[in-house]
All heavy atoms as atom14 arrays in JSON, in Angstrom:
{
  "sequence": "WKWSYIWHEVILNAWLMLAVLLLIAANLFWMWLLDKYPFSQIYPLTSL",
  "atom14_mask": [
    [1, 1, 1, 1, 1, 1, 1, 1, 1, 1, 1, 1, 1, 1],
    [1, 1, 1, 1, 1, 1, 1, 1, 1, 0, 0, 0, 0, 0],
    [1, 1, 1, 1, 1, 1, 1, 1, 1, 1, 1, 1, 1, 1],
    [1, 1, 1, 1, 1, 1, 0, 0, 0, 0, 0, 0, 0, 0],
    [1, 1, 1, 1, 1, 1, 1, 1, 1, 1, 1, 1, 0, 0],
    [1, 1, 1, 1, 1, 1, 1, 1, 0, 0, 0, 0, 0, 0],
    [1, 1, 1, 1, 1, 1, 1, 1, 1, 1, 1, 1, 1, 1],
    [1, 1, 1, 1, 1, 1, 1, 1, 1, 1, 0, 0, 0, 0],
    [1, 1, 1, 1, 1, 1, 1, 1, 1, 0, 0, 0, 0, 0],
    [1, 1, 1, 1, 1, 1, 1, 0, 0, 0, 0, 0, 0, 0],
    [1, 1, 1, 1, 1, 1, 1, 1, 0, 0, 0, 0, 0, 0],
    [1, 1, 1, 1, 1, 1, 1, 1, 0, 0, 0, 0, 0, 0],
    [1, 1, 1, 1, 1, 1, 1, 1, 0, 0, 0, 0, 0, 0],
    [1, 1, 1, 1, 1, 0, 0, 0, 0, 0, 0, 0, 0, 0],
    [1, 1, 1, 1, 1, 1, 1, 1, 1, 1, 1, 1, 1, 1],
    [1, 1, 1, 1, 1, 1, 1, 1, 0, 0, 0, 0, 0, 0],
    [1, 1, 1, 1, 1, 1, 1, 1, 0, 0, 0, 0, 0, 0],
    [1, 1, 1, 1, 1, 1, 1, 1, 0, 0, 0, 0, 0, 0],
    [1, 1, 1, 1, 1, 0, 0, 0, 0, 0, 0, 0, 0, 0],
    [1, 1, 1, 1, 1, 1, 1, 0, 0, 0, 0, 0, 0, 0],
    [1, 1, 1, 1, 1, 1, 1, 1, 0, 0, 0, 0, 0, 0],
    [1, 1, 1, 1, 1, 1, 1, 1, 0, 0, 0, 0, 0, 0],
    [1, 1, 1, 1, 1, 1, 1, 1, 0, 0, 0, 0, 0, 0],
    [1, 1, 1, 1, 1, 1, 1, 1, 0, 0, 0, 0, 0, 0],
    [1, 1, 1, 1, 1, 0, 0, 0, 0, 0, 0, 0, 0, 0],
    [1, 1, 1, 1, 1, 0, 0, 0, 0, 0, 0, 0, 0, 0],
    [1, 1, 1, 1, 1, 1, 1, 1, 0, 0, 0, 0, 0, 0],
    [1, 1, 1, 1, 1, 1, 1, 1, 0, 0, 0, 0, 0, 0],
    [1, 1, 1, 1, 1, 1, 1, 1, 1, 1, 1, 0, 0, 0],
    [1, 1, 1, 1, 1, 1, 1, 1, 1, 1, 1, 1, 1, 1],
    [1, 1, 1, 1, 1, 1, 1, 1, 0, 0, 0, 0, 0, 0],
    [1, 1, 1, 1, 1, 1, 1, 1, 1, 1, 1, 1, 1, 1],
    [1, 1, 1, 1, 1, 1, 1, 1, 0, 0, 0, 0, 0, 0],
    [1, 1, 1, 1, 1, 1, 1, 1, 0, 0, 0, 0, 0, 0],
    [1, 1, 1, 1, 1, 1, 1, 1, 0, 0, 0, 0, 0, 0],
    [1, 1, 1, 1, 1, 1, 1, 1, 1, 0, 0, 0, 0, 0],
    [1, 1, 1, 1, 1, 1, 1, 1, 1, 1, 1, 1, 0, 0],
    [1, 1, 1, 1, 1, 1, 1, 0, 0, 0, 0, 0, 0, 0],
    [1, 1, 1, 1, 1, 1, 1, 1, 1, 1, 1, 0, 0, 0],
    [1, 1, 1, 1, 1, 1, 0, 0, 0, 0, 0, 0, 0, 0],
    [1, 1, 1, 1, 1, 1, 1, 1, 1, 0, 0, 0, 0, 0],
    [1, 1, 1, 1, 1, 1, 1, 1, 0, 0, 0, 0, 0, 0],
    [1, 1, 1, 1, 1, 1, 1, 1, 1, 1, 1, 1, 0, 0],
    [1, 1, 1, 1, 1, 1, 1, 0, 0, 0, 0, 0, 0, 0],
    [1, 1, 1, 1, 1, 1, 1, 1, 0, 0, 0, 0, 0, 0],
    [1, 1, 1, 1, 1, 1, 1, 0, 0, 0, 0, 0, 0, 0],
    [1, 1, 1, 1, 1, 1, 0, 0, 0, 0, 0, 0, 0, 0],
    [1, 1, 1, 1, 1, 1, 1, 1, 0, 0, 0, 0, 0, 0]
  ],
  "atom14_positions": [
    [[11.81, 6.94, -18.24], [12.42, 5.69, -17.78], [13.94, 5.85, -17.74], [14.68, 5.17, -18.44], [12.02, 4.53, -18.69], [10.6, 4.14, -18.49], [9.56, 4.43, -19.31], [10.06, 3.41, -17.39], [8.39, 3.94, -18.8], [8.68, 3.3, -17.61], [10.58, 2.86, -16.23], [7.82, 2.65, -16.72], [9.73, 2.21, -15.35], [8.37, 2.1, -15.6]],
    [[14.39, 6.79, -16.9], [15.82, 7.03, -16.71], [16.12, 6.93, -15.22], [15.33, 7.39, -14.39], [16.21, 8.42, -17.2], [16.03, 8.64, -18.68], [16.42, 10.06, -19.05], [16.19, 10.31, -20.53], [16.45, 11.71, -20.88], [0.0, 0.0, 0.0], [0.0, 0.0, 0.0], [0.0, 0.0, 0.0], [0.0, 0.0, 0.0], [0.0, 0.0, 0.0]],
    [[17.27, 6.36, -14.91], [17.63, 6.18, -13.5], [17.67, 7.53, -12.77], [17.21, 7.65, -11.64], [18.96, 5.46, -13.37], [19.38, 5.35, -11.95], [20.47, 5.95, -11.38], [18.71, 4.65, -10.89], [20.52, 5.67, -10.05], [19.43, 4.87, -9.71], [17.55, 3.88, -10.83], [19.07, 4.34, -8.49], [17.18, 3.35, -9.59], [17.93, 3.57, -8.46]],
    [[18.23, 8.56, -13.4], [18.32, 9.87, -12.74], [16.93, 10.42, -12.43], [16.7, 11.0, -11.36], [19.12, 10.86, -13.59], [18.48, 11.06, -14.83], [0.0, 0.0, 0.0], [0.0, 0.0, 0.0], [0.0, 0.0, 0.0], [0.0, 0.0, 0.0], [0.0, 0.0, 0.0], [0.0, 0.0, 0.0], [0.0, 0.0, 0.0], [0.0, 0.0, 0.0]],
    [[15.99, 10.23, -13.35], [14.62, 10.68, -13.12], [13.99, 9.9, -11.96], [13.39, 10.49, -11.06], [13.78, 10.52, -14.39], [12.33, 10.88, -14.19], [11.89, 12.18, -14.35], [11.39, 9.91, -13.82], [10.57, 12.52, -14.16], [10.07, 10.24, -13.62], [9.66, 11.54, -13.79], [8.35, 11.88, -13.58], [0.0, 0.0, 0.0], [0.0, 0.0, 0.0]],
    [[14.12, 8.59, -12.01], [13.53, 7.75, -10.96], [14.12, 8.11, -9.61], [13.4, 8.21, -8.61], [13.69, 6.26, -11.3], [12.82, 5.93, -12.53], [13.33, 5.37, -10.12], [13.03, 4.55, -13.11], [0.0, 0.0, 0.0], [0.0, 0.0, 0.0], [0.0, 0.0, 0.0], [0.0, 0.0, 0.0], [0.0, 0.0, 0.0], [0.0, 0.0, 0.0]],
    [[15.43, 8.32, -9.56], [16.07, 8.66, -8.29], [15.58, 10.02, -7.77], [15.13, 10.13, -6.64], [17.59, 8.66, -8.43], [18.26, 9.05, -7.15], [18.82, 10.26, -6.85], [18.4, 8.24, -5.99], [19.32, 10.25, -5.58], [19.07, 9.02, -5.01], [18.03, 6.94, -5.65], [19.38, 8.54, -3.74], [18.35, 6.46, -4.39], [19.01, 7.26, -3.46]],
    [[15.65, 11.05, -8.58], [15.34, 12.39, -8.12], [13.84, 12.67, -7.99], [13.42, 13.35, -7.06], [15.96, 13.45, -9.06], [17.44, 13.5, -8.95], [18.26, 12.88, -9.86], [18.26, 14.05, -8.02], [19.52, 13.07, -9.5], [19.55, 13.77, -8.4], [0.0, 0.0, 0.0], [0.0, 0.0, 0.0], [0.0, 0.0, 0.0], [0.0, 0.0, 0.0]],
    [[13.06, 12.15, -8.91], [11.63, 12.48, -8.92], [10.76, 11.48, -8.17], [9.68, 11.84, -7.7], [11.12, 12.61, -10.36], [11.81, 13.68, -11.17], [11.61, 15.08, -10.61], [10.6, 15.33, -9.94], [12.49, 15.92, -10.86], [0.0, 0.0, 0.0], [0.0, 0.0, 0.0], [0.0, 0.0, 0.0], [0.0, 0.0, 0.0], [0.0, 0.0, 0.0]],
    [[11.22, 10.25, -8.06], [10.4, 9.22, -7.42], [10.93, 8.86, -6.04], [10.25, 9.03, -5.03], [10.29, 7.96, -8.32], [9.49, 6.87, -7.63], [9.68, 8.31, -9.66], [0.0, 0.0, 0.0], [0.0, 0.0, 0.0], [0.0, 0.0, 0.0], [0.0, 0.0, 0.0], [0.0, 0.0, 0.0], [0.0, 0.0, 0.0], [0.0, 0.0, 0.0]],
    [[12.15, 8.38, -5.97], [12.68, 7.88, -4.7], [12.86, 9.01, -3.69], [12.64, 8.8, -2.5], [13.99, 7.1, -4.95], [13.66, 5.84, -5.77], [14.68, 6.74, -3.64], [14.84, 5.03, -6.22], [0.0, 0.0, 0.0], [0.0, 0.0, 0.0], [0.0, 0.0, 0.0], [0.0, 0.0, 0.0], [0.0, 0.0, 0.0], [0.0, 0.0, 0.0]],
    [[13.26, 10.17, -4.14], [13.46, 11.29, -3.21], [12.2, 12.11, -2.98], [12.24, 13.13, -2.3], [14.6, 12.19, -3.71], [15.98, 11.53, -3.75], [17.02, 12.51, -4.28], [16.38, 10.98, -2.39], [0.0, 0.0, 0.0], [0.0, 0.0, 0.0], [0.0, 0.0, 0.0], [0.0, 0.0, 0.0], [0.0, 0.0, 0.0], [0.0, 0.0, 0.0]],
    [[11.08, 11.67, -3.53], [9.8, 12.37, -3.36], [9.14, 11.87, -2.07], [8.73, 10.72, -1.96], [8.92, 12.08, -4.58], [7.63, 12.86, -4.56], [7.0, 13.02, -3.53], [7.23, 13.32, -5.74], [0.0, 0.0, 0.0], [0.0, 0.0, 0.0], [0.0, 0.0, 0.0], [0.0, 0.0, 0.0], [0.0, 0.0, 0.0], [0.0, 0.0, 0.0]],
    [[9.08, 12.74, -1.08], [8.56, 12.35, 0.24], [7.12, 11.84, 0.17], [6.76, 10.88, 0.86], [8.67, 13.52, 1.21], [0.0, 0.0, 0.0], [0.0, 0.0, 0.0], [0.0, 0.0, 0.0], [0.0, 0.0, 0.0], [0.0, 0.0, 0.0], [0.0, 0.0, 0.0], [0.0, 0.0, 0.0], [0.0, 0.0, 0.0], [0.0, 0.0, 0.0]],
    [[6.28, 12.48, -0.64], [4.89, 12.03, -0.76], [4.82, 10.62, -1.33], [4.02, 9.8, -0.86], [4.07, 12.98, -1.64], [3.68, 14.26, -0.97], [4.09, 15.52, -1.3], [2.81, 14.4, 0.16], [3.52, 16.44, -0.45], [2.73, 15.78, 0.46], [2.09, 13.52, 0.95], [1.96, 16.29, 1.5], [1.32, 14.01, 1.98], [1.26, 15.38, 2.25]],
    [[5.64, 10.34, -2.34], [5.61, 9.0, -2.94], [6.14, 7.96, -1.97], [5.61, 6.84, -1.91], [6.4, 8.97, -4.25], [5.83, 9.82, -5.39], [6.67, 9.66, -6.64], [4.38, 9.47, -5.66], [0.0, 0.0, 0.0], [0.0, 0.0, 0.0], [0.0, 0.0, 0.0], [0.0, 0.0, 0.0], [0.0, 0.0, 0.0], [0.0, 0.0, 0.0]],
    [[7.14, 8.29, -1.19], [7.65, 7.33, -0.21], [6.62, 7.09, 0.9], [6.46, 5.97, 1.36], [8.98, 7.82, 0.38], [10.14, 7.72, -0.61], [10.38, 6.04, -1.26], [9.65, 6.16, -2.89], [0.0, 0.0, 0.0], [0.0, 0.0, 0.0], [0.0, 0.0, 0.0], [0.0, 0.0, 0.0], [0.0, 0.0, 0.0], [0.0, 0.0, 0.0]],
    [[5.92, 8.15, 1.3], [4.84, 7.97, 2.28], [3.76, 7.07, 1.69], [3.23, 6.19, 2.38], [4.25, 9.33, 2.67], [3.05, 9.28, 3.63], [3.44, 8.63, 4.96], [2.49, 10.69, 3.85], [0.0, 0.0, 0.0], [0.0, 0.0, 0.0], [0.0, 0.0, 0.0], [0.0, 0.0, 0.0], [0.0, 0.0, 0.0], [0.0, 0.0, 0.0]],
    [[3.43, 7.28, 0.43], [2.43, 6.44, -0.24], [2.86, 4.98, -0.22], [2.06, 4.09, 0.1], [2.22, 6.91, -1.68], [0.0, 0.0, 0.0], [0.0, 0.0, 0.0], [0.0, 0.0, 0.0], [0.0, 0.0, 0.0], [0.0, 0.0, 0.0], [0.0, 0.0, 0.0], [0.0, 0.0, 0.0], [0.0, 0.0, 0.0], [0.0, 0.0, 0.0]],
    [[4.11, 4.71, -0.57], [4.62, 3.33, -0.58], [4.51, 2.71, 0.81], [4.03, 1.58, 0.97], [6.07, 3.29, -1.11], [6.72, 1.94, -0.83], [6.1, 3.62, -2.59], [0.0, 0.0, 0.0], [0.0, 0.0, 0.0], [0.0, 0.0, 0.0], [0.0, 0.0, 0.0], [0.0, 0.0, 0.0], [0.0, 0.0, 0.0], [0.0, 0.0, 0.0]],
    [[4.92, 3.44, 1.83], [4.86, 2.92, 3.2], [3.42, 2.64, 3.64], [3.13, 1.6, 4.23], [5.54, 3.89, 4.17], [7.05, 4.02, 4.02], [7.58, 5.12, 4.94], [7.73, 2.69, 4.31], [0.0, 0.0, 0.0], [0.0, 0.0, 0.0], [0.0, 0.0, 0.0], [0.0, 0.0, 0.0], [0.0, 0.0, 0.0], [0.0, 0.0, 0.0]],
    [[2.53, 3.58, 3.35], [1.12, 3.38, 3.72], [0.51, 2.19, 2.99], [-0.23, 1.4, 3.59], [0.31, 4.64, 3.42], [0.42, 5.76, 4.44], [-0.16, 7.05, 3.89], [-0.27, 5.38, 5.74], [0.0, 0.0, 0.0], [0.0, 0.0, 0.0], [0.0, 0.0, 0.0], [0.0, 0.0, 0.0], [0.0, 0.0, 0.0], [0.0, 0.0, 0.0]],
    [[0.81, 2.06, 1.71], [0.23, 0.96, 0.93], [0.8, -0.39, 1.35], [0.07, -1.39, 1.4], [0.4, 1.22, -0.56], [-0.38, 2.45, -1.08], [0.01, 2.78, -2.5], [-1.88, 2.23, -0.95], [0.0, 0.0, 0.0], [0.0, 0.0, 0.0], [0.0, 0.0, 0.0], [0.0, 0.0, 0.0], [0.0, 0.0, 0.0], [0.0, 0.0, 0.0]],
    [[2.07, -0.44, 1.68], [2.66, -1.69, 2.19], [2.03, -2.04, 3.54], [1.61, -3.18, 3.77], [4.18, -1.59, 2.3], [4.81, -1.6, 0.91], [4.75, -2.73, 3.16], [6.3, -1.31, 0.9], [0.0, 0.0, 0.0], [0.0, 0.0, 0.0], [0.0, 0.0, 0.0], [0.0, 0.0, 0.0], [0.0, 0.0, 0.0], [0.0, 0.0, 0.0]],
    [[1.94, -1.06, 4.44], [1.35, -1.3, 5.76], [-0.11, -1.73, 5.63], [-0.56, -2.66, 6.32], [1.46, -0.04, 6.62], [0.0, 0.0, 0.0], [0.0, 0.0, 0.0], [0.0, 0.0, 0.0], [0.0, 0.0, 0.0], [0.0, 0.0, 0.0], [0.0, 0.0, 0.0], [0.0, 0.0, 0.0], [0.0, 0.0, 0.0], [0.0, 0.0, 0.0]],
    [[-0.86, -1.1, 4.74], [-2.27, -1.46, 4.55], [-2.39, -2.89, 4.03], [-3.3, -3.62, 4.46], [-2.93, -0.48, 3.58], [0.0, 0.0, 0.0], [0.0, 0.0, 0.0], [0.0, 0.0, 0.0], [0.0, 0.0, 0.0], [0.0, 0.0, 0.0], [0.0, 0.0, 0.0], [0.0, 0.0, 0.0], [0.0, 0.0, 0.0], [0.0, 0.0, 0.0]],
    [[-1.5, -3.3, 3.15], [-1.57, -4.66, 2.62], [-1.14, -5.7, 3.65], [-1.71, -6.79, 3.71], [-0.76, -4.79, 1.34], [-1.55, -4.26, 0.17], [-2.55, -4.84, -0.22], [-1.13, -3.13, -0.38], [0.0, 0.0, 0.0], [0.0, 0.0, 0.0], [0.0, 0.0, 0.0], [0.0, 0.0, 0.0], [0.0, 0.0, 0.0], [0.0, 0.0, 0.0]],
    [[-0.17, -5.38, 4.48], [0.2, -6.29, 5.58], [-0.95, -6.42, 6.57], [-1.27, -7.52, 7.04], [1.47, -5.81, 6.27], [2.75, -5.92, 5.46], [3.9, -5.22, 6.18], [3.09, -7.38, 5.18], [0.0, 0.0, 0.0], [0.0, 0.0, 0.0], [0.0, 0.0, 0.0], [0.0, 0.0, 0.0], [0.0, 0.0, 0.0], [0.0, 0.0, 0.0]],
    [[-1.58, -5.29, 6.86], [-2.75, -5.3, 7.75], [-3.89, -6.11, 7.13], [-4.58, -6.86, 7.81], [-3.16, -3.85, 8.03], [-4.16, -3.67, 9.13], [-4.16, -4.48, 10.25], [-5.1, -2.66, 9.06], [-5.07, -4.31, 11.26], [-6.03, -2.47, 10.06], [-6.01, -3.3, 11.17], [0.0, 0.0, 0.0], [0.0, 0.0, 0.0], [0.0, 0.0, 0.0]],
    [[-4.08, -5.97, 5.82], [-5.1, -6.73, 5.1], [-4.84, -8.22, 5.22], [-5.77, -9.01, 5.42], [-5.14, -6.28, 3.64], [-6.08, -7.07, 2.79], [-5.75, -7.89, 1.77], [-7.5, -7.14, 2.9], [-6.89, -8.45, 1.22], [-7.98, -8.01, 1.91], [-8.43, -6.54, 3.76], [-9.32, -8.3, 1.75], [-9.78, -6.83, 3.58], [-10.2, -7.69, 2.59]],
    [[-3.58, -8.63, 5.11], [-3.25, -10.05, 5.24], [-3.63, -10.56, 6.63], [-4.17, -11.67, 6.77], [-1.76, -10.27, 4.96], [-1.41, -10.06, 3.5], [0.34, -9.89, 3.1], [1.13, -11.11, 4.06], [0.0, 0.0, 0.0], [0.0, 0.0, 0.0], [0.0, 0.0, 0.0], [0.0, 0.0, 0.0], [0.0, 0.0, 0.0], [0.0, 0.0, 0.0]],
    [[-3.39, -9.76, 7.65], [-3.76, -10.14, 9.01], [-5.29, -10.24, 9.13], [-5.81, -11.18, 9.74], [-3.21, -9.11, 10.0], [-3.59, -9.41, 11.41], [-3.03, -10.34, 12.23], [-4.64, -8.78, 12.17], [-3.66, -10.33, 13.45], [-4.65, -9.37, 13.44], [-5.54, -7.76, 11.88], [-5.54, -8.98, 14.43], [-6.43, -7.38, 12.87], [-6.42, -7.98, 14.12]],
    [[-6.0, -9.28, 8.54], [-7.47, -9.31, 8.58], [-8.02, -10.55, 7.86], [-9.0, -11.15, 8.32], [-8.05, -8.03, 7.95], [-7.87, -6.76, 8.77], [-8.17, -5.53, 7.92], [-8.74, -6.78, 10.01], [0.0, 0.0, 0.0], [0.0, 0.0, 0.0], [0.0, 0.0, 0.0], [0.0, 0.0, 0.0], [0.0, 0.0, 0.0], [0.0, 0.0, 0.0]],
    [[-7.41, -10.9, 6.74], [-7.85, -12.1, 6.0], [-7.71, -13.36, 6.84], [-8.51, -14.28, 6.74], [-7.04, -12.26, 4.71], [-7.39, -11.33, 3.57], [-6.37, -11.49, 2.45], [-8.79, -11.6, 3.06], [0.0, 0.0, 0.0], [0.0, 0.0, 0.0], [0.0, 0.0, 0.0], [0.0, 0.0, 0.0], [0.0, 0.0, 0.0], [0.0, 0.0, 0.0]],
    [[-6.69, -13.39, 7.67], [-6.48, -14.55, 8.53], [-7.48, -14.59, 9.68], [-7.84, -15.65, 10.16], [-5.04, -14.52, 9.07], [-4.7, -15.74, 9.88], [-4.91, -16.87, 9.37], [-4.22, -15.58, 11.03], [0.0, 0.0, 0.0], [0.0, 0.0, 0.0], [0.0, 0.0, 0.0], [0.0, 0.0, 0.0], [0.0, 0.0, 0.0], [0.0, 0.0, 0.0]],
    [[-7.94, -13.43, 10.1], [-8.77, -13.33, 11.3], [-10.28, -13.37, 11.05], [-11.02, -13.88, 11.87], [-8.4, -12.03, 12.03], [-9.02, -11.84, 13.38], [-8.35, -10.69, 14.1], [-9.0, -10.37, 15.41], [-8.88, -11.39, 16.43], [0.0, 0.0, 0.0], [0.0, 0.0, 0.0], [0.0, 0.0, 0.0], [0.0, 0.0, 0.0], [0.0, 0.0, 0.0]],
    [[-10.73, -12.84, 9.9], [-12.17, -12.69, 9.65], [-12.58, -13.39, 8.36], [-11.77, -13.58, 7.47], [-12.55, -11.2, 9.56], [-12.34, -10.47, 10.85], [-11.24, -9.63, 11.02], [-13.22, -10.62, 11.91], [-11.04, -8.95, 12.22], [-13.02, -9.95, 13.1], [-11.93, -9.13, 13.25], [-11.74, -8.47, 14.44], [0.0, 0.0, 0.0], [0.0, 0.0, 0.0]],
    [[-13.89, -13.72, 8.24], [-14.37, -14.34, 7.01], [-14.24, -13.39, 5.81], [-14.62, -12.21, 5.88], [-15.85, -14.63, 7.29], [-16.0, -14.57, 8.77], [-14.93, -13.64, 9.26], [0.0, 0.0, 0.0], [0.0, 0.0, 0.0], [0.0, 0.0, 0.0], [0.0, 0.0, 0.0], [0.0, 0.0, 0.0], [0.0, 0.0, 0.0], [0.0, 0.0, 0.0]],
    [[-13.7, -13.91, 4.73], [-13.5, -13.14, 3.5], [-14.81, -12.54, 3.0], [-14.84, -11.39, 2.56], [-12.89, -14.06, 2.43], [-12.52, -13.35, 1.17], [-11.37, -12.59, 1.1], [-13.32, -13.45, 0.05], [-11.02, -11.94, -0.07], [-12.99, -12.81, -1.13], [-11.83, -12.05, -1.19], [0.0, 0.0, 0.0], [0.0, 0.0, 0.0], [0.0, 0.0, 0.0]],
    [[-15.88, -13.3, 3.1], [-17.17, -12.84, 2.59], [-17.72, -11.64, 3.35], [-18.6, -10.93, 2.86], [-18.19, -13.98, 2.62], [-18.41, -14.4, 3.95], [0.0, 0.0, 0.0], [0.0, 0.0, 0.0], [0.0, 0.0, 0.0], [0.0, 0.0, 0.0], [0.0, 0.0, 0.0], [0.0, 0.0, 0.0], [0.0, 0.0, 0.0], [0.0, 0.0, 0.0]],
    [[-17.2, -11.39, 4.55], [-17.64, -10.24, 5.32], [-16.69, -9.05, 5.17], [-17.13, -7.92, 5.05], [-17.78, -10.59, 6.79], [-18.97, -11.48, 7.07], [-19.09, -11.81, 8.55], [-18.17, -11.61, 9.32], [-20.22, -12.36, 8.92], [0.0, 0.0, 0.0], [0.0, 0.0, 0.0], [0.0, 0.0, 0.0], [0.0, 0.0, 0.0], [0.0, 0.0, 0.0]],
    [[-15.38, -9.32, 5.17], [-14.47, -8.18, 5.15], [-14.21, -7.63, 3.75], [-14.03, -6.43, 3.6], [-13.13, -8.48, 5.87], [-12.36, -9.61, 5.2], [-13.35, -8.76, 7.33], [-10.94, -9.76, 5.71], [0.0, 0.0, 0.0], [0.0, 0.0, 0.0], [0.0, 0.0, 0.0], [0.0, 0.0, 0.0], [0.0, 0.0, 0.0], [0.0, 0.0, 0.0]],
    [[-14.2, -8.48, 2.74], [-13.87, -7.97, 1.41], [-14.89, -6.92, 0.93], [-14.5, -5.88, 0.42], [-13.7, -9.07, 0.38], [-13.21, -8.52, -0.93], [-11.89, -8.12, -1.07], [-14.07, -8.33, -1.99], [-11.44, -7.56, -2.24], [-13.63, -7.76, -3.17], [-12.31, -7.39, -3.3], [-11.87, -6.82, -4.46], [0.0, 0.0, 0.0], [0.0, 0.0, 0.0]],
    [[-16.18, -7.16, 1.08], [-17.13, -6.13, 0.64], [-16.97, -4.81, 1.38], [-17.27, -3.75, 0.84], [-18.5, -6.75, 0.93], [-18.24, -8.22, 0.88], [-16.87, -8.4, 1.46], [0.0, 0.0, 0.0], [0.0, 0.0, 0.0], [0.0, 0.0, 0.0], [0.0, 0.0, 0.0], [0.0, 0.0, 0.0], [0.0, 0.0, 0.0], [0.0, 0.0, 0.0]],
    [[-16.45, -4.84, 2.6], [-16.26, -3.61, 3.36], [-15.14, -2.75, 2.78], [-15.03, -1.57, 3.1], [-16.0, -3.92, 4.83], [-17.19, -4.52, 5.59], [-16.79, -4.87, 7.01], [-18.38, -3.58, 5.57], [0.0, 0.0, 0.0], [0.0, 0.0, 0.0], [0.0, 0.0, 0.0], [0.0, 0.0, 0.0], [0.0, 0.0, 0.0], [0.0, 0.0, 0.0]],
    [[-14.31, -3.32, 1.91], [-13.28, -2.51, 1.26], [-13.91, -1.46, 0.35], [-13.25, -0.5, -0.03], [-12.29, -3.37, 0.45], [-12.98, -4.04, -0.6], [-11.56, -4.36, 1.34], [0.0, 0.0, 0.0], [0.0, 0.0, 0.0], [0.0, 0.0, 0.0], [0.0, 0.0, 0.0], [0.0, 0.0, 0.0], [0.0, 0.0, 0.0], [0.0, 0.0, 0.0]],
    [[-15.18, -1.65, 0.01], [-15.86, -0.65, -0.83], [-16.02, 0.68, -0.1], [-16.34, 1.7, -0.72], [-17.21, -1.17, -1.3], [-18.05, -1.42, -0.2], [0.0, 0.0, 0.0], [0.0, 0.0, 0.0], [0.0, 0.0, 0.0], [0.0, 0.0, 0.0], [0.0, 0.0, 0.0], [0.0, 0.0, 0.0], [0.0, 0.0, 0.0], [0.0, 0.0, 0.0]],
    [[-15.76, 0.69, 1.21], [-15.75, 1.97, 1.93], [-14.66, 2.89, 1.38], [-14.74, 4.1, 1.53], [-15.54, 1.74, 3.43], [-16.7, 1.09, 4.16], [-16.29, 0.67, 5.55], [-17.89, 2.04, 4.2], [0.0, 0.0, 0.0], [0.0, 0.0, 0.0], [0.0, 0.0, 0.0], [0.0, 0.0, 0.0], [0.0, 0.0, 0.0], [0.0, 0.0, 0.0]]
  ]
}
C-alpha cells in the first residue's frame, strides 16, 4: 500500500489497465442490457 508501488506496478501495468477498461465497458453494456431486456431472462445468462 505505497503510492510508488501502485503507480509502477498497477497503473503502468498494461494488462491491468486493459482489465479495467474491459470491466468498465462490460458494466456499461450490462446497464444498457438491463434497460432493454427482462432481468429474469438476462441475469441467469451471466452464468455463461
